[in-house]
Protein backbone atom coordinates (compact mmCIF):
# COMPACT_ATOMS: atom_id res chain seq x y z
CA UNK A 1 -11.98 0.39 -24.28
CA UNK A 2 -9.38 -2.18 -24.35
CA UNK A 3 -9.39 -5.67 -23.08
CA UNK A 4 -7.40 -6.97 -20.24
CA UNK A 5 -5.56 -10.08 -20.90
CA UNK A 6 -5.82 -11.75 -17.40
CA UNK A 7 -2.97 -14.85 -18.00
CA UNK A 8 -2.05 -13.25 -14.50
CA UNK A 9 -3.48 -12.06 -11.17
CA UNK A 10 -4.41 -8.07 -11.55
CA UNK A 11 -5.60 -5.76 -9.17
CA UNK A 12 -8.13 -3.17 -11.39
CA UNK A 13 -10.72 -0.06 -9.66
CA UNK A 14 -7.89 1.74 -8.68
CA UNK A 15 -7.28 -1.08 -5.94
CA UNK A 16 -3.80 -1.77 -4.49
CA UNK A 17 -3.16 -5.54 -3.28
CA UNK A 18 -0.29 -4.27 -1.37
CA UNK A 19 1.49 -6.70 1.28
CA UNK A 20 -0.18 -6.30 4.49
CA UNK A 21 0.99 -3.45 6.95
CA UNK A 22 2.53 -4.44 10.72
CA UNK A 23 2.37 -2.27 13.12
CA UNK A 24 5.69 -1.80 15.58
CA UNK A 25 5.10 0.54 18.61
CA UNK A 26 5.00 4.35 18.91
CA UNK A 27 8.21 6.10 18.41
CA UNK A 28 9.15 9.17 19.05
CA UNK A 29 11.05 11.15 17.21
CA UNK A 30 12.65 14.02 18.51
CA UNK A 31 14.11 17.44 17.33
CA UNK A 32 15.34 20.81 18.61
CA UNK A 33 13.80 20.00 21.90
CA UNK A 34 9.77 19.16 20.59
CA UNK A 35 8.97 15.08 20.65
CA UNK A 36 6.76 14.37 17.69
CA UNK A 37 5.14 10.03 17.72
CA UNK A 38 8.00 9.00 14.09
CA UNK A 39 4.81 7.28 12.14
CA UNK A 40 3.17 10.85 12.12
CA UNK A 41 6.08 12.31 10.04
CA UNK A 42 7.17 8.78 7.57
CA UNK A 43 5.69 7.77 4.80
CA UNK A 44 5.41 3.50 4.75
CA UNK A 45 6.70 1.31 1.31
CA UNK A 46 4.57 -1.93 0.88
CA UNK A 47 5.57 -3.55 -1.56
CA UNK A 48 2.57 -4.08 -4.83
CA UNK A 49 1.93 -8.45 -4.40
CA UNK A 50 -0.10 -8.34 -7.91
CA UNK A 51 0.05 -5.71 -10.73
CA UNK A 52 -2.51 -2.91 -10.56
CA UNK A 53 -4.43 -1.80 -14.06
CA UNK A 54 -5.75 1.47 -12.99
CA UNK A 55 -8.57 3.17 -14.73
CA UNK A 56 -6.76 5.68 -16.93
CA UNK A 57 -4.84 2.05 -18.82
CA UNK A 58 -1.84 2.17 -16.42
CA UNK A 59 -0.41 -0.11 -15.15
CA UNK A 60 2.07 -0.30 -12.24
CA UNK A 61 3.92 -3.93 -11.73
CA UNK A 62 4.01 -6.68 -8.74
CA UNK A 63 7.52 -5.79 -7.14
CA UNK A 64 6.89 -1.73 -6.93
CA UNK A 65 6.10 0.34 -3.95
CA UNK A 66 3.62 1.90 -2.83
CA UNK A 67 4.15 4.90 -0.76
CA UNK A 68 1.56 5.44 2.12
CA UNK A 69 1.15 7.55 5.35
CA UNK A 70 2.14 5.35 8.70
CA UNK A 71 -0.09 7.78 10.40
CA UNK A 72 -3.61 6.54 7.80
CA UNK A 73 -1.61 2.94 8.20
CA UNK A 74 -1.74 3.48 12.06
CA UNK A 75 -5.53 5.00 12.20
CA UNK A 76 -7.03 4.74 9.14
CA UNK A 77 -9.95 2.32 9.17
CA UNK A 78 -9.21 0.37 5.63
CA UNK A 79 -5.94 -0.66 7.10
CA UNK A 80 -7.54 -2.42 9.39
CA UNK A 81 -8.65 -5.38 6.32
CA UNK A 82 -6.02 -7.63 6.53
CA UNK A 83 -7.12 -10.20 3.73
CA UNK A 84 -6.45 -13.54 3.00
CA UNK A 85 -6.88 -15.65 -0.62
CA UNK A 86 -5.50 -18.72 -2.13
CA UNK A 87 -3.52 -16.66 -5.52
CA UNK A 88 -0.63 -14.47 -2.50
CA UNK A 89 0.96 -16.58 -0.03
CA UNK A 90 0.56 -14.70 3.49
CA UNK A 91 -1.76 -11.92 4.14
CA UNK A 92 -2.48 -8.18 2.43
CA UNK A 93 -4.30 -5.49 2.25
CA UNK A 94 -6.05 -3.73 -0.62
CA UNK A 95 -5.32 0.28 -0.93
CA UNK A 96 -7.92 2.82 -2.98
CA UNK A 97 -4.50 4.54 -5.24
CA UNK A 98 -6.18 8.02 -3.04
CA UNK A 99 -4.11 7.46 -0.23
CA UNK A 100 -0.82 6.90 -2.26
CA UNK A 101 1.57 9.63 -1.97
CA UNK A 102 3.97 8.34 -4.88
CA UNK A 103 5.41 5.23 -6.60
CA UNK A 104 8.49 3.46 -6.47
CA UNK A 105 10.12 0.49 -8.88
CA UNK A 106 11.11 -2.76 -6.43
């Protein structure tokens, strides 16, 4: 077991602290004559607002993007939770790692 040194804010337990998602209007994506809501096929990158220490010991650095299905951001109950704290300027969401499709560097 490793000891987590808290010299900076860090999320734990496979939870990611990301910027709040702002829902926009539903936009149609038309291909071959068929219309589909674009959020059904889009994966949205949200910026990590603090380092995330995963249960396996890996760390995803602050500033990286966590890509989440936009459809989930519109409809999942966890996506409706918008939080505030004195550690972070503005609103944020807490997302479980299982909802992240992939990461990308800042």
